[in-house]
Amino acid sequence: MLADESLKSLHLAPVERPLLLVDVDGVISLFGFDPSRPPEGRFELVDGIAHLISATAGEHLRTLLDRFDLVWCTGWEEKANEYLPPALGLPGSLPHLALHRNVGRSHAHWKLDAIDRYAGPRRPLAWIDDALGAECEAWASRRAAPTLLVGTVSSVGITGEHVGELIGWADQLATPLRP
């Protein structure tokens, strides 16, 4: 069989788009800034609590929808869908992780078990959060699938630079390796 004939007979599995796990506090809802000079955005009441929603977060997330399947990865859980899609101009609700603190997994980030349950070991994922630490880095390095951690500053949130990094990473995943 000629090489090109064998290539024709290969049945390639469809490539899953990578997940983008999106935290809210410190990524979209900003805090820790100087109150006399707040960042651009607007306050939204969420269950009676004022949150400063970044002026640019919606645009950034809408841009990332072209390359990622977005998932809320936040203590807000289902509340994120009650408040954020309209505030950010998203086309609809997003899936969300059900988070539980697992006391049996010492020194691990409290979101890791939920991420593992949702994504499994082989789905590529990026995670944007303001509270990523050494345990998250270690977890990401052990995953079988490509994994990107993107840390934010809670008073700034998601930026254009973060979006560029995420797009570049997703594009590398989509580009077949050439011999």
Protein backbone atom coordinates (compact mmCIF):
# COMPACT_ATOMS: atom_id res chain seq x y z
CA MET A 1 0.00 0.00 0.00
CA LEU A 2 1.36 3.41 -0.94
CA ALA A 3 1.87 5.96 1.82
CA ASP A 4 -0.84 8.29 0.55
CA GLU A 5 -3.29 5.37 0.29
CA SER A 6 -2.66 4.43 3.91
CA LEU A 7 -3.31 8.03 4.91
CA LYS A 8 -6.64 7.92 3.11
CA SER A 9 -7.62 4.85 5.10
CA LEU A 10 -6.90 6.49 8.46
CA HIS A 11 -9.98 7.55 10.33
CA LEU A 12 -9.05 10.47 12.52
CA ALA A 13 -11.14 11.22 15.58
CA PRO A 14 -12.63 14.70 15.61
CA VAL A 15 -10.55 17.10 17.67
CA GLU A 16 -12.33 18.41 20.75
CA ARG A 17 -12.04 22.10 21.34
CA PRO A 18 -10.15 22.85 24.52
CA LEU A 19 -12.03 23.88 27.63
CA LEU A 20 -11.51 27.30 29.13
CA LEU A 21 -12.29 27.20 32.83
CA VAL A 22 -13.25 30.72 33.92
CA ASP A 23 -13.10 31.94 37.50
CA VAL A 24 -15.21 35.01 38.31
CA ASP A 25 -13.76 36.80 41.35
CA GLY A 26 -10.46 38.35 40.32
CA VAL A 27 -11.02 37.60 36.63
CA ILE A 28 -14.36 39.25 35.82
CA SER A 29 -15.44 40.70 39.18
CA LEU A 30 -12.56 42.90 40.29
CA PHE A 31 -11.45 43.58 43.85
CA GLY A 32 -8.44 44.80 45.81
CA PHE A 33 -8.11 48.03 43.85
CA ASP A 34 -7.69 51.52 45.29
CA PRO A 35 -11.30 52.68 45.90
CA SER A 36 -10.34 56.24 44.98
CA ARG A 37 -9.26 54.97 41.52
CA PRO A 38 -11.41 51.98 40.57
CA PRO A 39 -10.75 50.20 37.27
CA GLU A 40 -13.15 50.69 34.37
CA GLY A 41 -16.32 48.73 34.81
CA ARG A 42 -19.71 48.87 36.42
CA PHE A 43 -21.16 47.64 39.64
CA GLU A 44 -23.67 44.81 39.49
CA LEU A 45 -25.67 43.62 42.49
CA VAL A 46 -25.40 39.87 42.96
CA ASP A 47 -27.59 38.63 45.79
CA GLY A 48 -27.35 42.09 47.33
CA ILE A 49 -23.55 42.31 47.09
CA ALA A 50 -21.96 44.85 44.75
CA HIS A 51 -19.40 43.45 42.32
CA LEU A 52 -17.31 45.61 40.00
CA ILE A 53 -17.57 43.86 36.64
CA SER A 54 -14.59 44.58 34.38
CA ALA A 55 -15.43 46.80 31.41
CA THR A 56 -13.47 44.53 29.04
CA ALA A 57 -14.19 41.03 30.39
CA GLY A 58 -17.25 40.47 28.18
CA GLU A 59 -15.42 41.36 24.98
CA HIS A 60 -12.50 39.14 25.96
CA LEU A 61 -14.72 36.14 26.72
CA ARG A 62 -16.72 36.59 23.51
CA THR A 63 -13.44 36.56 21.56
CA LEU A 64 -12.40 33.31 23.26
CA LEU A 65 -15.69 31.59 22.38
CA ASP A 66 -14.27 31.08 18.85
CA ARG A 67 -11.62 28.66 20.11
CA PHE A 68 -12.76 27.33 23.48
CA ASP A 69 -15.72 25.75 25.21
CA LEU A 70 -16.12 28.07 28.18
CA VAL A 71 -17.08 26.68 31.60
CA TRP A 72 -17.61 28.60 34.85
CA CYS A 73 -15.04 27.42 37.40
CA THR A 74 -16.10 29.58 40.33
CA GLY A 75 -17.58 29.45 43.78
CA TRP A 76 -20.51 31.27 42.19
CA GLU A 77 -21.42 27.94 40.51
CA GLU A 78 -24.93 28.21 38.94
CA LYS A 79 -25.27 31.84 40.14
CA ALA A 80 -22.78 32.83 37.44
CA ASN A 81 -25.42 32.06 34.80
CA GLU A 82 -28.08 34.04 36.63
CA TYR A 83 -26.08 37.27 36.51
CA LEU A 84 -23.13 37.20 34.15
CA PRO A 85 -24.21 36.29 30.58
CA PRO A 86 -26.43 39.39 30.24
CA ALA A 87 -23.87 41.61 32.03
CA LEU A 88 -21.06 40.38 29.75
CA GLY A 89 -23.00 40.12 26.50
CA LEU A 90 -22.50 36.35 26.29
CA PRO A 91 -24.86 34.46 23.98
CA GLY A 92 -26.27 32.32 26.79
CA SER A 93 -25.56 30.24 29.83
CA LEU A 94 -22.34 28.30 30.25
CA PRO A 95 -21.82 24.97 31.97
CA HIS A 96 -20.51 25.31 35.52
CA LEU A 97 -18.51 23.09 37.82
CA ALA A 98 -20.06 21.84 41.04
CA LEU A 99 -17.32 22.57 43.53
CA HIS A 100 -16.84 20.83 46.85
CA ARG A 101 -14.00 21.19 49.27
CA ASN A 102 -12.52 17.72 49.67
CA VAL A 103 -10.85 17.42 53.04
CA GLY A 104 -9.21 14.17 51.96
CA ARG A 105 -7.03 15.90 49.37
CA SER A 106 -4.66 17.87 51.57
CA HIS A 107 -2.82 20.88 50.22
CA ALA A 108 -4.64 20.74 46.89
CA HIS A 109 -6.54 23.64 45.37
CA TRP A 110 -10.21 23.29 46.23
CA LYS A 111 -11.29 23.28 42.54
CA LEU A 112 -9.05 20.45 41.31
CA ASP A 113 -11.36 17.52 42.07
CA ALA A 114 -14.25 19.19 40.22
CA ILE A 115 -12.01 20.02 37.26
CA ASP A 116 -10.78 16.42 37.06
CA ARG A 117 -14.36 15.10 37.20
CA TYR A 118 -15.56 17.48 34.47
CA ALA A 119 -12.61 17.48 32.05
CA GLY A 120 -11.25 14.00 32.55
CA PRO A 121 -7.57 13.28 31.96
CA ARG A 122 -7.44 13.72 28.17
CA ARG A 123 -9.35 16.92 27.37
CA PRO A 124 -7.08 19.89 26.75
CA LEU A 125 -7.90 22.78 29.03
CA ALA A 126 -6.87 26.25 30.01
CA TRP A 127 -7.80 27.70 33.39
CA ILE A 128 -7.89 31.42 34.15
CA ASP A 129 -7.99 32.30 37.85
CA ASP A 130 -6.47 34.77 40.29
CA ALA A 131 -5.65 32.07 42.86
CA LEU A 132 -3.38 29.61 41.07
CA GLY A 133 -0.51 28.30 43.15
CA ALA A 134 2.23 25.69 43.22
CA GLU A 135 -0.29 22.86 43.74
CA CYS A 136 -2.08 23.92 40.55
CA GLU A 137 1.20 24.01 38.62
CA ALA A 138 2.08 20.52 39.86
CA TRP A 139 -1.39 19.22 38.94
CA ALA A 140 -1.17 20.77 35.45
CA SER A 141 2.24 19.23 34.82
CA ARG A 142 0.89 15.75 35.71
CA ARG A 143 -2.14 15.92 33.40
CA ALA A 144 -2.03 13.72 30.31
CA ALA A 145 -3.68 16.43 28.19
CA PRO A 146 -2.26 19.85 27.34
CA THR A 147 -3.01 22.24 30.19
CA LEU A 148 -2.44 25.98 30.43
CA LEU A 149 -2.78 27.99 33.64
CA VAL A 150 -3.33 31.72 33.28
CA GLY A 151 -3.04 33.79 36.43
CA THR A 152 -4.68 37.16 36.82
CA VAL A 153 -4.31 40.06 39.24
CA SER A 154 -7.58 40.45 41.16
CA SER A 155 -7.69 44.23 40.74
CA VAL A 156 -7.18 44.00 36.96
CA GLY A 157 -8.79 40.72 35.82
CA ILE A 158 -8.59 39.27 32.33
CA THR A 159 -6.58 41.39 29.90
CA GLY A 160 -5.85 41.51 26.19
CA GLU A 161 -2.48 39.90 26.91
CA HIS A 162 -4.24 36.94 28.55
CA VAL A 163 -6.52 36.61 25.53
CA GLY A 164 -3.52 36.63 23.20
CA GLU A 165 -1.80 33.93 25.25
CA LEU A 166 -4.95 31.77 25.26
CA ILE A 167 -5.53 32.18 21.52
CA GLY A 168 -1.89 31.35 20.74
CA TRP A 169 -2.07 28.23 22.89
CA ALA A 170 -5.37 27.06 21.34
CA ASP A 171 -4.02 27.69 17.84
CA GLN A 172 -0.95 25.55 18.61
CA LEU A 173 -3.24 22.71 19.66
CA ALA A 174 -5.20 22.99 16.41
CA THR A 175 -2.09 23.02 14.21
CA PRO A 176 -1.05 19.54 13.09
CA LEU A 177 2.60 18.68 13.58
CA ARG A 178 4.57 18.57 10.37
CA PRO A 179 7.39 16.13 9.75
